[in-house]
Amino acid sequence: MTDTERNGPTKPPWLKKRLSSGRGYHKVVKLLKECSLHTVCEEALCPNMGECFSNGTATFMILGDHCTRDCRFCAVLHGDPQPPDKNEPQKVADVIKKLGLRYAVVTSVTRDDLPDGGAGHFAETISAIKNKNPGTQVEVLIPDFQGSAEDLKTVVTATPHVLNHNMETVPRLYPRVRPQADYHGSLQLIRRAGEMNPGLATKSGLMLGLGETQEEVRRVLKDLLTAGCKLLTLGQYLAPSKNHHPVMEYVPPDQFLNWEKSAYEMGFQGVASGPFVRSSFHAGEMFRKMKS
């Protein structure tokens, strides 16, 4: 094992971010606590949490806070999850109403323990949001449902505006980074979603800095376009702890800009690429820009 693999490279100055707080931040925290709701912002230690909460928005994480998988890049807790909260879809819809969100992003832990992987709960949440907030656009970031086309159809039939499923990294690194997932299965999910609803905007994302090469990234982008993916996010991987996969490279901001330019030239309709970009980073703006 090299020193880089053991300790990782030195964190560069462009990855320093001032923490944000204020009235909007505390309002979001208070509402989430009152309704016993989780956010991926908190559970995945997102560096943008202060900024998003201060702006009165958050990415809701349904189906509990314990994941049945143990990916080596993710900070979300692993273990035996609790049964789904049947009131959660309405709670999410109520908080979105109170925050006045015009664009809502909902994700989940992976629930391989459930017969439908939580697809029905996703559909109920989408419906509850739409019923309570008819002017709100809904994006869902979903797990792979272990390749079930039926479970995917349950979510697609609920007609979210955007369906996101992250590839996370290049196929060579899946055994080390995402061992319980399947690269081609994730591509198939994106392809199937577009076929089930041709008007659906499909989206995916990659973390850079895990040890991938530029040619490997380009190959994934080509695969995503072939699968019909329309929207793309590229961000810097940051290891949640020393027990997670180490950072192999801190990608310079100008390289992220080059990737953004290349992705648009390749055919993506919306791209967010930068060190702090995450799956839901300015998601509403990306979707509206694509539609216009």
C-alpha atoms as a PDB file:
ATOM      1  CA  MET A   1       0.000   0.000   0.000  1.00  0.00           C
ATOM      2  CA  THR A   2       1.377   3.400  -0.995  1.00  0.00           C
ATOM      3  CA  ASP A   3       1.382   6.473   1.284  1.00  0.00           C
ATOM      4  CA  THR A   4      -1.364   7.991  -0.887  1.00  0.00           C
ATOM      5  CA  GLU A   5      -3.518   4.896  -0.481  1.00  0.00           C
ATOM      6  CA  ARG A   6      -2.887   4.843   3.267  1.00  0.00           C
ATOM      7  CA  ASN A   7      -3.261   8.543   4.113  1.00  0.00           C
ATOM      8  CA  GLY A   8      -4.541  10.192   0.947  1.00  0.00           C
ATOM      9  CA  PRO A   9      -3.142  13.347  -0.668  1.00  0.00           C
ATOM     10  CA  THR A  10      -3.086  16.649   1.190  1.00  0.00           C
ATOM     11  CA  LYS A  11      -6.412  18.477   1.067  1.00  0.00           C
ATOM     12  CA  PRO A  12      -6.069  21.539  -1.217  1.00  0.00           C
ATOM     13  CA  PRO A  13      -7.211  25.087  -0.375  1.00  0.00           C
ATOM     14  CA  TRP A  14     -10.090  25.062  -2.882  1.00  0.00           C
ATOM     15  CA  LEU A  15     -11.902  22.500  -0.743  1.00  0.00           C
ATOM     16  CA  LYS A  16     -12.235  24.829   2.224  1.00  0.00           C
ATOM     17  CA  LYS A  17     -15.792  26.069   2.644  1.00  0.00           C
ATOM     18  CA  ARG A  18     -17.249  28.536   5.119  1.00  0.00           C
ATOM     19  CA  LEU A  19     -20.085  27.089   7.174  1.00  0.00           C
ATOM     20  CA  SER A  20     -23.439  28.841   6.774  1.00  0.00           C
ATOM     21  CA  SER A  21     -26.191  29.297   9.323  1.00  0.00           C
ATOM     22  CA  GLY A  22     -28.961  31.725  10.071  1.00  0.00           C
ATOM     23  CA  ARG A  23     -32.736  31.972  10.316  1.00  0.00           C
ATOM     24  CA  GLY A  24     -33.332  29.747   7.280  1.00  0.00           C
ATOM     25  CA  TYR A  25     -30.882  27.142   8.557  1.00  0.00           C
ATOM     26  CA  HIS A  26     -32.504  26.887  11.973  1.00  0.00           C
ATOM     27  CA  LYS A  27     -36.000  26.801  10.460  1.00  0.00           C
ATOM     28  CA  VAL A  28     -35.103  23.737   8.395  1.00  0.00           C
ATOM     29  CA  VAL A  29     -33.429  21.991  11.340  1.00  0.00           C
ATOM     30  CA  LYS A  30     -36.440  22.692  13.566  1.00  0.00           C
ATOM     31  CA  LEU A  31     -38.977  21.390  11.040  1.00  0.00           C
ATOM     32  CA  LEU A  32     -37.006  18.228  10.363  1.00  0.00           C
ATOM     33  CA  LYS A  33     -36.665  17.511  14.074  1.00  0.00           C
ATOM     34  CA  GLU A  34     -40.340  18.160  14.791  1.00  0.00           C
ATOM     35  CA  CYS A  35     -41.412  15.747  12.037  1.00  0.00           C
ATOM     36  CA  SER A  36     -38.690  13.146  12.741  1.00  0.00           C
ATOM     37  CA  LEU A  37     -37.455  13.347   9.160  1.00  0.00           C
ATOM     38  CA  HIS A  38     -33.983  12.554   7.850  1.00  0.00           C
ATOM     39  CA  THR A  39     -31.967  14.309   5.172  1.00  0.00           C
ATOM     40  CA  VAL A  40     -29.102  12.955   3.110  1.00  0.00           C
ATOM     41  CA  CYS A  41     -27.486  16.328   3.796  1.00  0.00           C
ATOM     42  CA  GLU A  42     -26.986  15.356   7.444  1.00  0.00           C
ATOM     43  CA  GLU A  43     -26.581  11.589   7.135  1.00  0.00           C
ATOM     44  CA  ALA A  44     -24.032  11.714   4.289  1.00  0.00           C
ATOM     45  CA  LEU A  45     -22.109  14.677   5.772  1.00  0.00           C
ATOM     46  CA  CYS A  46     -22.682  16.832   2.697  1.00  0.00           C
ATOM     47  CA  PRO A  47     -20.351  19.863   2.570  1.00  0.00           C
ATOM     48  CA  ASN A  48     -23.200  21.963   1.134  1.00  0.00           C
ATOM     49  CA  MET A  49     -25.587  21.373   4.050  1.00  0.00           C
ATOM     50  CA  GLY A  50     -25.109  24.782   5.662  1.00  0.00           C
ATOM     51  CA  GLU A  51     -25.639  26.579   2.363  1.00  0.00           C
ATOM     52  CA  CYS A  52     -28.747  24.577   1.428  1.00  0.00           C
ATOM     53  CA  PHE A  53     -30.357  24.732   4.875  1.00  0.00           C
ATOM     54  CA  SER A  54     -29.698  28.480   5.018  1.00  0.00           C
ATOM     55  CA  ASN A  55     -31.501  28.812   1.692  1.00  0.00           C
ATOM     56  CA  GLY A  56     -34.478  26.927   3.138  1.00  0.00           C
ATOM     57  CA  THR A  57     -34.046  23.667   1.258  1.00  0.00           C
ATOM     58  CA  ALA A  58     -32.914  20.098   1.928  1.00  0.00           C
ATOM     59  CA  THR A  59     -32.774  16.674   0.280  1.00  0.00           C
ATOM     60  CA  PHE A  60     -35.183  14.388   2.125  1.00  0.00           C
ATOM     61  CA  MET A  61     -34.060  10.841   2.908  1.00  0.00           C
ATOM     62  CA  ILE A  62     -36.944   8.419   3.358  1.00  0.00           C
ATOM     63  CA  LEU A  63     -37.147   4.820   4.618  1.00  0.00           C
ATOM     64  CA  GLY A  64     -35.037   5.430   7.713  1.00  0.00           C
ATOM     65  CA  ASP A  65     -31.397   6.256   8.360  1.00  0.00           C
ATOM     66  CA  HIS A  66     -29.836   2.757   8.264  1.00  0.00           C
ATOM     67  CA  CYS A  67     -28.813   1.267   4.921  1.00  0.00           C
ATOM     68  CA  THR A  68     -28.783  -2.464   4.193  1.00  0.00           C
ATOM     69  CA  ARG A  69     -25.629  -2.019   2.086  1.00  0.00           C
ATOM     70  CA  ASP A  70     -22.158  -0.984   3.167  1.00  0.00           C
ATOM     71  CA  CYS A  71     -20.585   0.973   0.313  1.00  0.00           C
ATOM     72  CA  ARG A  72     -17.027   2.082   1.050  1.00  0.00           C
ATOM     73  CA  PHE A  73     -17.627   5.690   0.007  1.00  0.00           C
ATOM     74  CA  CYS A  74     -20.770   6.459   2.003  1.00  0.00           C
ATOM     75  CA  ALA A  75     -21.218   7.946   5.477  1.00  0.00           C
ATOM     76  CA  VAL A  76     -24.818   6.748   5.932  1.00  0.00           C
ATOM     77  CA  LEU A  77     -25.176   4.259   8.782  1.00  0.00           C
ATOM     78  CA  HIS A  78     -25.169   0.556   7.908  1.00  0.00           C
ATOM     79  CA  GLY A  79     -27.219  -2.033   9.774  1.00  0.00           C
ATOM     80  CA  ASP A  80     -30.692  -3.405  10.407  1.00  0.00           C
ATOM     81  CA  PRO A  81     -33.229  -0.692   9.555  1.00  0.00           C
ATOM     82  CA  GLN A  82     -36.547  -0.006  11.241  1.00  0.00           C
ATOM     83  CA  PRO A  83     -39.864  -0.685   9.444  1.00  0.00           C
ATOM     84  CA  PRO A  84     -40.883   2.212   7.157  1.00  0.00           C
ATOM     85  CA  ASP A  85     -42.899   4.999   8.750  1.00  0.00           C
ATOM     86  CA  LYS A  86     -46.307   4.870   7.033  1.00  0.00           C
ATOM     87  CA  ASN A  87     -46.824   8.558   7.852  1.00  0.00           C
ATOM     88  CA  GLU A  88     -43.519   9.634   6.328  1.00  0.00           C
ATOM     89  CA  PRO A  89     -44.832  10.493   2.818  1.00  0.00           C
ATOM     90  CA  GLN A  90     -47.320  12.962   4.294  1.00  0.00           C
ATOM     91  CA  LYS A  91     -44.706  14.367   6.705  1.00  0.00           C
ATOM     92  CA  VAL A  92     -42.371  15.084   3.783  1.00  0.00           C
ATOM     93  CA  ALA A  93     -45.194  16.732   1.838  1.00  0.00           C
ATOM     94  CA  ASP A  94     -46.114  18.870   4.853  1.00  0.00           C
ATOM     95  CA  VAL A  95     -42.544  20.108   5.395  1.00  0.00           C
ATOM     96  CA  ILE A  96     -42.190  20.928   1.695  1.00  0.00           C
ATOM     97  CA  LYS A  97     -45.367  22.979   2.016  1.00  0.00           C
ATOM     98  CA  LYS A  98     -44.058  24.826   5.079  1.00  0.00           C
ATOM     99  CA  LEU A  99     -40.749  25.556   3.369  1.00  0.00           C
ATOM    100  CA  GLY A 100     -42.485  26.679   0.198  1.00  0.00           C
ATOM    101  CA  LEU A 101     -40.262  24.515  -2.007  1.00  0.00           C
ATOM    102  CA  ARG A 102     -40.920  24.720  -5.740  1.00  0.00           C
ATOM    103  CA  TYR A 103     -38.489  21.872  -6.355  1.00  0.00           C
ATOM    104  CA  ALA A 104     -38.112  18.925  -3.991  1.00  0.00           C
ATOM    105  CA  VAL A 105     -35.504  16.165  -4.007  1.00  0.00           C
ATOM    106  CA  VAL A 106     -36.216  12.856  -2.267  1.00  0.00           C
ATOM    107  CA  THR A 107     -33.755  10.015  -1.846  1.00  0.00           C
ATOM    108  CA  SER A 108     -33.505   6.983   0.449  1.00  0.00           C
ATOM    109  CA  VAL A 109     -31.247   4.463   2.027  1.00  0.00           C
ATOM    110  CA  THR A 110     -31.114   1.154   0.149  1.00  0.00           C
ATOM    111  CA  ARG A 111     -33.692  -1.250   1.588  1.00  0.00           C
ATOM    112  CA  ASP A 112     -32.872  -4.709   0.236  1.00  0.00           C
ATOM    113  CA  ASP A 113     -34.845  -6.096   3.188  1.00  0.00           C
ATOM    114  CA  LEU A 114     -38.178  -4.894   1.785  1.00  0.00           C
ATOM    115  CA  PRO A 115     -40.089  -6.959  -0.826  1.00  0.00           C
ATOM    116  CA  ASP A 116     -40.242  -3.996  -3.228  1.00  0.00           C
ATOM    117  CA  GLY A 117     -37.045  -2.302  -2.090  1.00  0.00           C
ATOM    118  CA  GLY A 118     -39.119   0.646  -0.889  1.00  0.00           C
ATOM    119  CA  ALA A 119     -40.506   1.473  -4.353  1.00  0.00           C
ATOM    120  CA  GLY A 120     -44.072   1.731  -3.059  1.00  0.00           C
ATOM    121  CA  HIS A 121     -42.968   4.129  -0.341  1.00  0.00           C
ATOM    122  CA  PHE A 122     -41.259   6.287  -2.973  1.00  0.00           C
ATOM    123  CA  ALA A 123     -44.455   6.323  -5.048  1.00  0.00           C
ATOM    124  CA  GLU A 124     -46.565   7.279  -2.025  1.00  0.00           C
ATOM    125  CA  THR A 125     -44.143  10.098  -1.190  1.00  0.00           C
ATOM    126  CA  ILE A 126     -44.231  11.455  -4.741  1.00  0.00           C
ATOM    127  CA  SER A 127     -48.041  11.373  -4.729  1.00  0.00           C
ATOM    128  CA  ALA A 128     -48.264  13.025  -1.308  1.00  0.00           C
ATOM    129  CA  ILE A 129     -45.931  15.835  -2.395  1.00  0.00           C
ATOM    130  CA  LYS A 130     -47.919  16.458  -5.575  1.00  0.00           C
ATOM    131  CA  ASN A 131     -51.259  16.427  -3.787  1.00  0.00           C
ATOM    132  CA  LYS A 132     -50.101  18.828  -1.077  1.00  0.00           C
ATOM    133  CA  ASN A 133     -47.906  20.955  -3.358  1.00  0.00           C
ATOM    134  CA  PRO A 134     -49.370  20.889  -6.895  1.00  0.00           C
ATOM    135  CA  GLY A 135     -46.868  23.441  -8.198  1.00  0.00           C
ATOM    136  CA  THR A 136     -43.791  21.638  -6.878  1.00  0.00           C
ATOM    137  CA  GLN A 137     -41.513  19.656  -9.183  1.00  0.00           C
ATOM    138  CA  VAL A 138     -40.213  16.378  -7.752  1.00  0.00           C
ATOM    139  CA  GLU A 139     -36.856  14.684  -8.274  1.00  0.00           C
ATOM    140  CA  VAL A 140     -36.157  11.252  -6.823  1.00  0.00           C
ATOM    141  CA  LEU A 141     -32.715   9.728  -6.327  1.00  0.00           C
ATOM    142  CA  ILE A 142     -33.393   6.017  -6.155  1.00  0.00           C
ATOM    143  CA  PRO A 143     -31.482   2.805  -5.355  1.00  0.00           C
ATOM    144  CA  ASP A 144     -31.234  -0.007  -7.906  1.00  0.00           C
ATOM    145  CA  PHE A 145     -34.113  -2.129  -6.465  1.00  0.00           C
ATOM    146  CA  GLN A 146     -31.852  -5.131  -7.138  1.00  0.00           C
ATOM    147  CA  GLY A 147     -32.643  -4.880 -10.838  1.00  0.00           C
ATOM    148  CA  SER A 148     -36.426  -5.239 -10.501  1.00  0.00           C
ATOM    149  CA  ALA A 149     -38.215  -3.679 -13.485  1.00  0.00           C
ATOM    150  CA  GLU A 150     -41.522  -3.980 -11.631  1.00  0.00           C
ATOM    151  CA  ASP A 151     -40.279  -1.934  -8.664  1.00  0.00           C
ATOM    152  CA  LEU A 152     -38.794   0.666 -10.983  1.00  0.00           C
ATOM    153  CA  LYS A 153     -42.122   0.912 -12.806  1.00  0.00           C
ATOM    154  CA  THR A 154     -43.864   1.597  -9.486  1.00  0.00           C
ATOM    155  CA  VAL A 155     -41.725   4.732  -9.059  1.00  0.00           C
ATOM    156  CA  VAL A 156     -41.882   5.832 -12.704  1.00  0.00           C
ATOM    157  CA  THR A 157     -45.684   5.459 -12.756  1.00  0.00           C
ATOM    158  CA  ALA A 158     -45.896   7.976  -9.901  1.00  0.00           C
ATOM    159  CA  THR A 159     -44.487  10.465 -12.473  1.00  0.00           C
ATOM    160  CA  PRO A 160     -41.637  12.308 -10.801  1.00  0.00           C
ATOM    161  CA  HIS A 161     -40.196  15.057 -12.976  1.00  0.00           C
ATOM    162  CA  VAL A 162     -36.632  13.734 -12.664  1.00  0.00           C
ATOM    163  CA  LEU A 163     -35.429  10.212 -11.893  1.00  0.00           C
ATOM    164  CA  ASN A 164     -31.844  10.102 -10.647  1.00  0.00           C
ATOM    165  CA  HIS A 165     -29.724   7.026 -10.097  1.00  0.00           C
ATOM    166  CA  ASN A 166     -26.012   7.490  -9.502  1.00  0.00           C
ATOM    167  CA  MET A 167     -23.350   5.365 -11.173  1.00  0.00           C
ATOM    168  CA  GLU A 168     -20.971   6.730  -8.489  1.00  0.00           C
ATOM    169  CA  THR A 169     -17.720   5.503 -10.094  1.00  0.00           C
ATOM    170  CA  VAL A 170     -16.192   3.623 -13.021  1.00  0.00           C
ATOM    171  CA  PRO A 171     -16.832  -0.138 -13.417  1.00  0.00           C
ATOM    172  CA  ARG A 172     -13.258  -1.157 -12.535  1.00  0.00           C
ATOM    173  CA  LEU A 173     -13.678   0.301  -9.046  1.00  0.00           C
ATOM    174  CA  TYR A 174     -17.085  -1.226  -8.251  1.00  0.00           C
ATOM    175  CA  PRO A 175     -15.646  -4.246  -6.364  1.00  0.00           C
ATOM    176  CA  ARG A 176     -13.731  -1.901  -4.044  1.00  0.00           C
ATOM    177  CA  VAL A 177     -16.139   1.030  -3.789  1.00  0.00           C
ATOM    178  CA  ARG A 178     -19.627  -0.305  -4.487  1.00  0.00           C
ATOM    179  CA  PRO A 179     -19.360  -4.111  -4.077  1.00  0.00           C
ATOM    180  CA  GLN A 180     -23.083  -4.831  -3.671  1.00  0.00           C
ATOM    181  CA  ALA A 181     -24.048  -2.943  -6.829  1.00  0.00           C
ATOM    182  CA  ASP A 182     -23.804  -3.804 -10.523  1.00  0.00           C
ATOM    183  CA  TYR A 183     -22.551  -1.288 -13.079  1.00  0.00           C
ATOM    184  CA  HIS A 184     -24.521  -2.669 -16.011  1.00  0.00           C
ATOM    185  CA  GLY A 185     -27.589  -3.090 -13.804  1.00  0.00           C
ATOM    186  CA  SER A 186     -27.475   0.613 -12.955  1.00  0.00           C
ATOM    187  CA  LEU A 187     -27.190   1.504 -16.643  1.00  0.00           C
ATOM    188  CA  GLN A 188     -30.141  -0.764 -17.365  1.00  0.00           C
ATOM    189  CA  LEU A 189     -32.205   1.021 -14.710  1.00  0.00           C
ATOM    190  CA  ILE A 190     -31.629   4.390 -16.374  1.00  0.00           C
ATOM    191  CA  ARG A 191     -32.424   2.958 -19.796  1.00  0.00           C
ATOM    192  CA  ARG A 192     -35.593   1.261 -18.575  1.00  0.00           C
ATOM    193  CA  ALA A 193     -36.840   4.388 -16.805  1.00  0.00           C
ATOM    194  CA  GLY A 194     -36.585   6.373 -20.028  1.00  0.00           C
ATOM    195  CA  GLU A 195     -38.325   3.654 -21.981  1.00  0.00           C
ATOM    196  CA  MET A 196     -41.150   3.452 -19.440  1.00  0.00           C
ATOM    197  CA  ASN A 197     -41.719   7.204 -19.653  1.00  0.00           C
ATOM    198  CA  PRO A 198     -39.991   8.936 -22.598  1.00  0.00           C
ATOM    199  CA  GLY A 199     -40.881  12.333 -21.116  1.00  0.00           C
ATOM    200  CA  LEU A 200     -39.023  11.602 -17.884  1.00  0.00           C
ATOM    201  CA  ALA A 201     -35.712  13.391 -17.333  1.00  0.00           C
ATOM    202  CA  THR A 202     -33.143  10.802 -16.264  1.00  0.00           C
ATOM    203  CA  LYS A 203     -30.080  11.824 -14.291  1.00  0.00           C
ATOM    204  CA  SER A 204     -26.919  10.294 -12.877  1.00  0.00           C
ATOM    205  CA  GLY A 205     -23.699  11.276 -11.169  1.00  0.00           C
ATOM    206  CA  LEU A 206     -20.086  10.319 -10.560  1.00  0.00           C
ATOM    207  CA  MET A 207     -17.579  11.014  -7.815  1.00  0.00           C
ATOM    208  CA  LEU A 208     -14.073  11.826  -9.024  1.00  0.00           C
ATOM    209  CA  GLY A 209     -10.883  11.186  -7.092  1.00  0.00           C
ATOM    210  CA  LEU A 210     -11.415   7.512  -6.270  1.00  0.00           C
ATOM    211  CA  GLY A 211      -8.604   6.331  -8.533  1.00  0.00           C
ATOM    212  CA  GLU A 212     -10.357   6.425 -11.907  1.00  0.00           C
ATOM    213  CA  THR A 213      -8.669   7.519 -15.138  1.00  0.00           C
ATOM    214  CA  GLN A 214     -10.016  10.210 -17.437  1.00  0.00           C
ATOM    215  CA  GLU A 215     -10.608   7.658 -20.188  1.00  0.00           C
ATOM    216  CA  GLU A 216     -12.652   5.527 -17.769  1.00  0.00           C
ATOM    217  CA  VAL A 217     -14.790   8.551 -16.869  1.00  0.00           C
ATOM    218  CA  ARG A 218     -15.330   9.354 -20.542  1.00  0.00           C
ATOM    219  CA  ARG A 219     -16.420   5.760 -21.144  1.00  0.00           C
ATOM    220  CA  VAL A 220     -19.008   5.989 -18.358  1.00  0.00           C
ATOM    221  CA  LEU A 221     -20.361   9.238 -19.798  1.00  0.00           C
ATOM    222  CA  LYS A 222     -20.727   7.580 -23.199  1.00  0.00           C
ATOM    223  CA  ASP A 223     -22.509   4.634 -21.569  1.00  0.00           C
ATOM    224  CA  LEU A 224     -24.893   7.001 -19.781  1.00  0.00           C
ATOM    225  CA  LEU A 225     -25.733   8.847 -22.992  1.00  0.00           C
ATOM    226  CA  THR A 226     -26.367   5.547 -24.761  1.00  0.00           C
ATOM    227  CA  ALA A 227     -28.733   4.641 -21.897  1.00  0.00           C
ATOM    228  CA  GLY A 228     -30.648   7.890 -22.475  1.00  0.00           C
ATOM    229  CA  CYS A 229     -29.346   9.850 -19.466  1.00  0.00           C
ATOM    230  CA  LYS A 230     -30.026  13.577 -19.872  1.00  0.00           C
ATOM    231  CA  LEU A 231     -28.640  15.210 -16.715  1.00  0.00           C
ATOM    232  CA  LEU A 232     -25.231  14.739 -15.085  1.00  0.00           C
ATOM    233  CA  THR A 233     -23.431  15.690 -11.866  1.00  0.00           C
ATOM    234  CA  LEU A 234     -19.691  15.357 -11.255  1.00  0.00           C
ATOM    235  CA  GLY A 235     -18.183  16.078  -7.846  1.00  0.00           C
ATOM    236  CA  GLN A 236     -15.095  15.498  -5.734  1.00  0.00           C
ATOM    237  CA  TYR A 237     -15.094  12.381  -3.554  1.00  0.00           C
ATOM    238  CA  LEU A 238     -14.385  13.178   0.096  1.00  0.00           C
ATOM    239  CA  ALA A 239     -13.748  10.237   2.403  1.00  0.00           C
ATOM    240  CA  PRO A 240     -16.129  10.341   5.401  1.00  0.00           C
ATOM    241  CA  SER A 241     -13.548   8.669   7.658  1.00  0.00           C
ATOM    242  CA  LYS A 242     -10.280   6.746   7.641  1.00  0.00           C
ATOM    243  CA  ASN A 243     -12.311   3.543   7.497  1.00  0.00           C
ATOM    244  CA  HIS A 244     -13.761   4.463   4.104  1.00  0.00           C
ATOM    245  CA  HIS A 245     -12.140   4.281   0.686  1.00  0.00           C
ATOM    246  CA  PRO A 246      -9.291   6.832   0.628  1.00  0.00           C
ATOM    247  CA  VAL A 247      -9.210   9.873  -1.617  1.00  0.00           C
ATOM    248  CA  MET A 248      -6.710   9.089  -4.365  1.00  0.00           C
ATOM    249  CA  GLU A 249      -6.762  12.505  -6.040  1.00  0.00           C
ATOM    250  CA  TYR A 250      -8.140  15.984  -5.477  1.00  0.00           C
ATOM    251  CA  VAL A 251      -9.327  17.042  -8.908  1.00  0.00           C
ATOM    252  CA  PRO A 252      -8.560  20.730  -9.665  1.00  0.00           C
ATOM    253  CA  PRO A 253     -11.518  23.062 -10.321  1.00  0.00           C
ATOM    254  CA  ASP A 254     -10.376  23.762 -13.881  1.00  0.00           C
ATOM    255  CA  GLN A 255     -10.522  20.050 -14.654  1.00  0.00           C
ATOM    256  CA  PHE A 256     -14.119  19.972 -13.449  1.00  0.00           C
ATOM    257  CA  LEU A 257     -14.859  22.877 -15.796  1.00  0.00           C
ATOM    258  CA  ASN A 258     -13.294  20.913 -18.640  1.00  0.00           C
ATOM    259  CA  TRP A 259     -15.490  17.936 -17.798  1.00  0.00           C
ATOM    260  CA  GLU A 260     -18.570  20.177 -17.826  1.00  0.00           C
ATOM    261  CA  LYS A 261     -17.671  21.488 -21.267  1.00  0.00           C
ATOM    262  CA  SER A 262     -16.926  17.995 -22.578  1.00  0.00           C
ATOM    263  CA  ALA A 263     -20.178  16.571 -21.163  1.00  0.00           C
ATOM    264  CA  TYR A 264     -22.249  19.240 -22.913  1.00  0.00           C
ATOM    265  CA  GLU A 265     -20.350  18.631 -26.148  1.00  0.00           C
ATOM    266  CA  MET A 266     -21.042  14.902 -25.816  1.00  0.00           C
ATOM    267  CA  GLY A 267     -24.778  15.540 -25.610  1.00  0.00           C
ATOM    268  CA  PHE A 268     -25.907  15.927 -21.988  1.00  0.00           C
ATOM    269  CA  GLN A 269     -28.702  18.459 -21.609  1.00  0.00           C
ATOM    270  CA  GLY A 270     -27.771  19.603 -18.115  1.00  0.00           C
ATOM    271  CA  VAL A 271     -24.424  19.350 -16.300  1.00  0.00           C
ATOM    272  CA  ALA A 272     -23.186  20.390 -12.854  1.00  0.00           C
ATOM    273  CA  SER A 273     -19.461  19.766 -12.391  1.00  0.00           C
ATOM    274  CA  GLY A 274     -17.294  21.036  -9.547  1.00  0.00           C
ATOM    275  CA  PRO A 275     -15.502  20.002  -6.351  1.00  0.00           C
ATOM    276  CA  PHE A 276     -18.554  20.626  -4.151  1.00  0.00           C
ATOM    277  CA  VAL A 277     -21.196  19.354  -6.593  1.00  0.00           C
ATOM    278  CA  ARG A 278     -23.428  16.632  -5.206  1.00  0.00           C
ATOM    279  CA  SER A 279     -26.455  14.789  -6.644  1.00  0.00           C
ATOM    280  CA  SER A 280     -28.992  17.454  -5.703  1.00  0.00           C
ATOM    281  CA  PHE A 281     -26.678  20.441  -6.180  1.00  0.00           C
ATOM    282  CA  HIS A 282     -28.835  23.239  -7.676  1.00  0.00           C
ATOM    283  CA  ALA A 283     -31.089  20.465  -8.966  1.00  0.00           C
ATOM    284  CA  GLY A 284     -34.069  22.699  -9.650  1.00  0.00           C
ATOM    285  CA  GLU A 285     -31.976  25.135 -11.652  1.00  0.00           C
ATOM    286  CA  MET A 286     -30.540  22.326 -13.757  1.00  0.00           C
ATOM    287  CA  PHE A 287     -33.969  20.907 -14.526  1.00  0.00           C
ATOM    288  CA  ARG A 288     -35.500  24.272 -15.395  1.00  0.00           C
ATOM    289  CA  LYS A 289     -32.551  25.129 -17.619  1.00  0.00           C
ATOM    290  CA  MET A 290     -32.978  21.842 -19.470  1.00  0.00           C
ATOM    291  CA  LYS A 291     -36.710  22.429 -19.961  1.00  0.00           C
ATOM    292  CA  SER A 292     -36.152  25.974 -21.274  1.00  0.00           C
END
